[in-house]
Amino acid sequence: MTKRRPGGAEEAVEETTSEAPPPETDEESTEGSEVDAPEGDALDSDDAADAASDEDGSAEEAEDKADEADDEEDVIEDDSEVDFMGDAADEVDKRVAELTTDLQRLQAEYVNYKRRVDRDRELVSQNATYKVLAPIVEVLDTIDRAREHDEVDGGFKAVADQLEKIVTNLGLKKFGEPGDVFDPNRHEALSHMGTDPEVEETSVKLVAKAGYMIGDRVVRAAQVLVVDPE
């Protein structure tokens, strides 16, 4: 600041100003802060603790939900596995039933096939025997007539006995005896000889020629004379 003297000269005069109060020292600032700090720190600590507690609770809740979700998934997986095993068992049972049915059908077909083969084999054997023995039937008729007249003796008797033994072993059977019930499938009626009080149905009275059969097949029907009941 300048001060004008008489004569126009200016003199610099230092302006005095009121001194500002000295700034607070670090100690004073620190002391004031130290006095106020405990209350603010306590509030901050409580808030932090509450926040941490909330976070822990949220984390536990999230973990519980995750565990529940895992349990539900396990239950669903278990149910799915049970359903799958049940379906697989049903499929196996169905397949076993189908295979069992197929096996039973094959067994039945095999049994029927074996029966047909055995029957055909027997028929072939009978046909072969029939072709061989059919012509011999007439020879056997001659032997029977010779026996009726006591003409079978000596060497002829031995041959006749041996021949009859051979044809019997081959399956040729002789049938037709007086008193047999007349069977049109096995007997050929040459004549009726009236009635007979001793019979209850048409029966053989006399046998002109014996019949022969192989198995159930008639080689030649017996030629007979029959009587009827009264």
Protein backbone atom coordinates (compact mmCIF):
# COMPACT_ATOMS: atom_id res chain seq x y z
CA MET A 1 0.00 0.00 0.00
CA THR A 2 1.45 3.61 -0.88
CA LYS A 3 1.12 6.71 1.19
CA ARG A 4 1.40 10.13 -0.50
CA ARG A 5 3.69 12.57 1.30
CA PRO A 6 3.59 16.40 1.02
CA GLY A 7 5.20 17.34 -2.24
CA GLY A 8 3.68 14.45 -4.13
CA ALA A 9 6.10 11.75 -3.14
CA GLU A 10 4.65 8.41 -2.49
CA GLU A 11 5.90 6.24 0.22
CA ALA A 12 5.33 2.64 0.30
CA VAL A 13 3.78 1.67 3.47
CA GLU A 14 3.44 -2.01 4.27
CA GLU A 15 -0.11 -2.79 5.01
CA THR A 16 -0.58 -4.60 8.10
CA THR A 17 -3.13 -7.28 8.04
CA SER A 18 -4.44 -9.38 10.81
CA GLU A 19 -2.65 -12.61 10.99
CA ALA A 20 -4.66 -15.72 10.21
CA PRO A 21 -4.83 -18.28 12.92
CA PRO A 22 -2.15 -20.88 12.53
CA PRO A 23 -3.29 -24.12 10.89
CA GLU A 24 -4.07 -27.05 13.03
CA THR A 25 -1.18 -29.31 13.52
CA ASP A 26 -1.25 -32.97 12.62
CA GLU A 27 -1.45 -33.89 16.26
CA GLU A 28 -4.54 -31.77 16.82
CA SER A 29 -6.14 -33.11 13.65
CA THR A 30 -5.23 -36.56 14.65
CA GLU A 31 -6.61 -36.11 18.09
CA GLY A 32 -9.91 -34.86 16.70
CA SER A 33 -10.09 -37.72 14.31
CA GLU A 34 -9.21 -40.18 17.00
CA VAL A 35 -12.10 -38.94 19.04
CA ASP A 36 -14.66 -39.29 16.19
CA ALA A 37 -13.28 -42.51 14.62
CA PRO A 38 -14.62 -45.16 17.02
CA GLU A 39 -18.29 -44.39 16.40
CA GLY A 40 -17.93 -44.38 12.59
CA ASP A 41 -15.79 -47.49 12.56
CA ALA A 42 -18.26 -49.30 14.77
CA LEU A 43 -21.09 -48.50 12.38
CA ASP A 44 -19.04 -49.56 9.41
CA SER A 45 -18.11 -52.80 11.16
CA ASP A 46 -21.75 -53.57 11.96
CA ASP A 47 -22.78 -52.85 8.39
CA ALA A 48 -19.97 -55.02 7.09
CA ALA A 49 -20.92 -57.78 9.50
CA ASP A 50 -24.56 -57.55 8.42
CA ALA A 51 -23.54 -57.56 4.79
CA ALA A 52 -21.26 -60.52 5.35
CA SER A 53 -24.04 -62.30 7.24
CA ASP A 54 -26.45 -61.57 4.41
CA GLU A 55 -23.93 -62.83 1.90
CA ASP A 56 -23.35 -65.97 3.95
CA GLY A 57 -27.11 -66.49 4.22
CA SER A 58 -27.54 -65.97 0.49
CA ALA A 59 -24.68 -68.35 -0.20
CA GLU A 60 -26.17 -70.99 2.12
CA GLU A 61 -29.59 -70.52 0.58
CA ALA A 62 -28.13 -70.83 -2.91
CA GLU A 63 -26.22 -73.92 -1.82
CA ASP A 64 -29.40 -75.43 -0.32
CA LYS A 65 -31.30 -74.76 -3.52
CA ALA A 66 -28.48 -76.30 -5.53
CA ASP A 67 -28.56 -79.37 -3.26
CA GLU A 68 -32.34 -79.62 -3.65
CA ALA A 69 -31.99 -79.33 -7.41
CA ASP A 70 -29.33 -82.06 -7.36
CA ASP A 71 -31.60 -84.25 -5.23
CA GLU A 72 -34.49 -83.69 -7.63
CA GLU A 73 -32.24 -84.54 -10.56
CA ASP A 74 -31.09 -87.68 -8.75
CA VAL A 75 -34.72 -88.67 -8.11
CA ILE A 76 -35.59 -88.02 -11.76
CA GLU A 77 -32.57 -90.01 -12.87
CA ASP A 78 -33.50 -92.84 -10.48
CA ASP A 79 -37.09 -92.84 -11.77
CA SER A 80 -35.84 -92.78 -15.35
CA GLU A 81 -33.48 -95.64 -14.60
CA VAL A 82 -36.28 -97.63 -12.96
CA ASP A 83 -38.55 -97.00 -15.94
CA PHE A 84 -35.78 -98.00 -18.32
CA MET A 85 -35.06 -101.19 -16.38
CA GLY A 86 -38.78 -101.97 -16.28
CA ASP A 87 -39.12 -101.47 -20.03
CA ALA A 88 -36.00 -103.56 -20.63
CA ALA A 89 -37.36 -106.37 -18.43
CA ASP A 90 -40.70 -106.29 -20.27
CA GLU A 91 -38.87 -106.45 -23.60
CA VAL A 92 -36.79 -109.40 -22.39
CA ASP A 93 -39.91 -111.23 -21.16
CA LYS A 94 -41.61 -110.60 -24.49
CA ARG A 95 -38.61 -111.88 -26.40
CA VAL A 96 -38.34 -114.96 -24.19
CA ALA A 97 -42.04 -115.70 -24.78
CA GLU A 98 -41.56 -115.36 -28.55
CA LEU A 99 -38.51 -117.63 -28.55
CA THR A 100 -40.32 -120.16 -26.34
CA THR A 101 -43.26 -120.21 -28.75
CA ASP A 102 -40.90 -120.65 -31.70
CA LEU A 103 -39.09 -123.47 -29.91
CA GLN A 104 -42.34 -125.25 -29.07
CA ARG A 105 -43.49 -124.91 -32.67
CA LEU A 106 -40.19 -126.30 -33.95
CA GLN A 107 -40.39 -129.19 -31.50
CA ALA A 108 -43.94 -129.99 -32.62
CA GLU A 109 -42.88 -129.78 -36.27
CA TYR A 110 -39.94 -132.10 -35.56
CA VAL A 111 -42.17 -134.62 -33.79
CA ASN A 112 -44.64 -134.57 -36.69
CA TYR A 113 -41.80 -134.85 -39.19
CA LYS A 114 -40.32 -137.82 -37.32
CA ARG A 115 -43.72 -139.52 -37.26
CA ARG A 116 -44.14 -138.99 -40.99
CA VAL A 117 -40.66 -140.32 -41.65
CA ASP A 118 -41.26 -143.39 -39.49
CA ARG A 119 -44.65 -143.98 -41.11
CA ASP A 120 -43.21 -143.57 -44.60
CA ARG A 121 -40.30 -145.84 -43.76
CA GLU A 122 -42.69 -148.47 -42.46
CA LEU A 123 -44.86 -148.10 -45.54
CA VAL A 124 -41.86 -148.50 -47.84
CA SER A 125 -40.81 -151.59 -45.93
CA GLN A 126 -44.33 -153.02 -46.12
CA ASN A 127 -44.55 -152.32 -49.84
CA ALA A 128 -41.24 -154.07 -50.45
CA THR A 129 -42.32 -157.03 -48.32
CA TYR A 130 -45.70 -157.07 -50.05
CA LYS A 131 -44.11 -157.27 -53.48
CA VAL A 132 -41.92 -160.15 -52.36
CA LEU A 133 -44.50 -162.12 -50.39
CA ALA A 134 -47.66 -161.58 -52.44
CA PRO A 135 -46.71 -164.23 -55.01
CA ILE A 136 -45.79 -166.67 -52.21
CA VAL A 137 -49.35 -166.59 -50.85
CA GLU A 138 -50.42 -169.05 -53.53
CA VAL A 139 -47.61 -171.41 -52.49
CA LEU A 140 -48.81 -171.21 -48.91
CA ASP A 141 -52.33 -172.10 -50.10
CA THR A 142 -50.91 -175.26 -51.69
CA ILE A 143 -49.15 -176.18 -48.46
CA ASP A 144 -52.41 -175.72 -46.52
CA ARG A 145 -54.34 -178.01 -48.88
CA ALA A 146 -51.60 -180.64 -48.64
CA ARG A 147 -51.80 -180.55 -44.85
CA GLU A 148 -55.56 -181.05 -45.02
CA HIS A 149 -54.94 -184.29 -46.88
CA ASP A 150 -51.96 -185.35 -44.77
CA GLU A 151 -49.66 -185.05 -47.75
CA VAL A 152 -47.01 -182.94 -46.03
CA ASP A 153 -44.25 -185.28 -44.88
CA GLY A 154 -40.59 -186.01 -45.35
CA GLY A 155 -38.48 -183.42 -47.14
CA PHE A 156 -41.55 -181.54 -48.36
CA LYS A 157 -42.64 -180.95 -44.78
CA ALA A 158 -39.21 -179.53 -43.85
CA VAL A 159 -39.33 -177.12 -46.81
CA ALA A 160 -42.91 -176.07 -45.98
CA ASP A 161 -42.07 -175.42 -42.34
CA GLN A 162 -38.97 -173.41 -43.23
CA LEU A 163 -40.87 -171.32 -45.80
CA GLU A 164 -43.65 -170.49 -43.34
CA LYS A 165 -41.07 -169.51 -40.75
CA ILE A 166 -39.33 -167.14 -43.17
CA VAL A 167 -42.48 -165.33 -44.27
CA THR A 168 -43.60 -165.01 -40.65
CA ASN A 169 -40.28 -163.37 -39.74
CA LEU A 170 -40.78 -160.96 -42.65
CA GLY A 171 -44.06 -159.80 -41.11
CA LEU A 172 -46.60 -161.85 -43.05
CA LYS A 173 -49.49 -162.88 -40.80
CA LYS A 174 -52.14 -165.48 -41.50
CA PHE A 175 -55.73 -164.84 -40.43
CA GLY A 176 -59.22 -166.30 -40.89
CA GLU A 177 -60.66 -168.90 -38.56
CA PRO A 178 -64.16 -170.39 -38.18
CA GLY A 179 -66.14 -168.39 -35.60
CA ASP A 180 -64.51 -165.03 -36.46
CA VAL A 181 -66.93 -162.12 -36.78
CA PHE A 182 -67.27 -161.26 -40.44
CA ASP A 183 -65.28 -158.14 -41.38
CA PRO A 184 -65.80 -156.98 -44.97
CA ASN A 185 -62.40 -155.29 -44.88
CA ARG A 186 -60.66 -158.57 -44.17
CA HIS A 187 -63.04 -161.25 -45.38
CA GLU A 188 -64.47 -162.11 -48.75
CA ALA A 189 -67.82 -163.88 -48.34
CA LEU A 190 -68.13 -166.58 -50.99
CA SER A 191 -71.51 -167.80 -49.76
CA HIS A 192 -74.11 -167.64 -47.00
CA MET A 193 -74.88 -170.89 -45.24
CA GLY A 194 -78.14 -169.85 -43.64
CA THR A 195 -78.54 -169.06 -39.96
CA ASP A 196 -76.96 -170.31 -36.81
CA PRO A 197 -78.56 -169.96 -33.36
CA GLU A 198 -75.13 -169.96 -31.73
CA VAL A 199 -73.98 -166.68 -33.31
CA GLU A 200 -75.18 -163.19 -32.46
CA GLU A 201 -73.91 -161.57 -35.67
CA THR A 202 -72.73 -162.68 -39.09
CA SER A 203 -69.74 -164.92 -38.56
CA VAL A 204 -67.30 -167.13 -40.47
CA LYS A 205 -68.51 -170.74 -40.72
CA LEU A 206 -65.88 -172.19 -43.06
CA VAL A 207 -62.56 -170.86 -44.48
CA ALA A 208 -61.93 -171.64 -48.13
CA LYS A 209 -58.61 -169.78 -48.27
CA ALA A 210 -56.78 -168.13 -45.40
CA GLY A 211 -56.11 -164.44 -45.52
CA TYR A 212 -52.71 -162.77 -45.16
CA MET A 213 -51.65 -159.31 -44.09
CA ILE A 214 -48.48 -157.32 -43.46
CA GLY A 215 -48.86 -154.94 -40.56
CA ASP A 216 -52.29 -153.35 -41.05
CA ARG A 217 -52.25 -153.94 -44.80
CA VAL A 218 -54.24 -156.84 -46.17
CA VAL A 219 -52.27 -158.81 -48.73
CA ARG A 220 -55.21 -161.02 -49.51
CA ALA A 221 -58.65 -161.18 -47.92
CA ALA A 222 -59.71 -164.48 -46.42
CA GLN A 223 -62.26 -166.29 -48.57
CA VAL A 224 -64.97 -167.58 -46.28
CA LEU A 225 -68.51 -168.98 -45.99
CA VAL A 226 -70.65 -167.18 -43.43
CA VAL A 227 -73.77 -167.72 -41.35
CA ASP A 228 -76.24 -165.18 -39.99
CA PRO A 229 -77.85 -165.14 -36.56
CA GLU A 230 -81.47 -166.31 -36.24
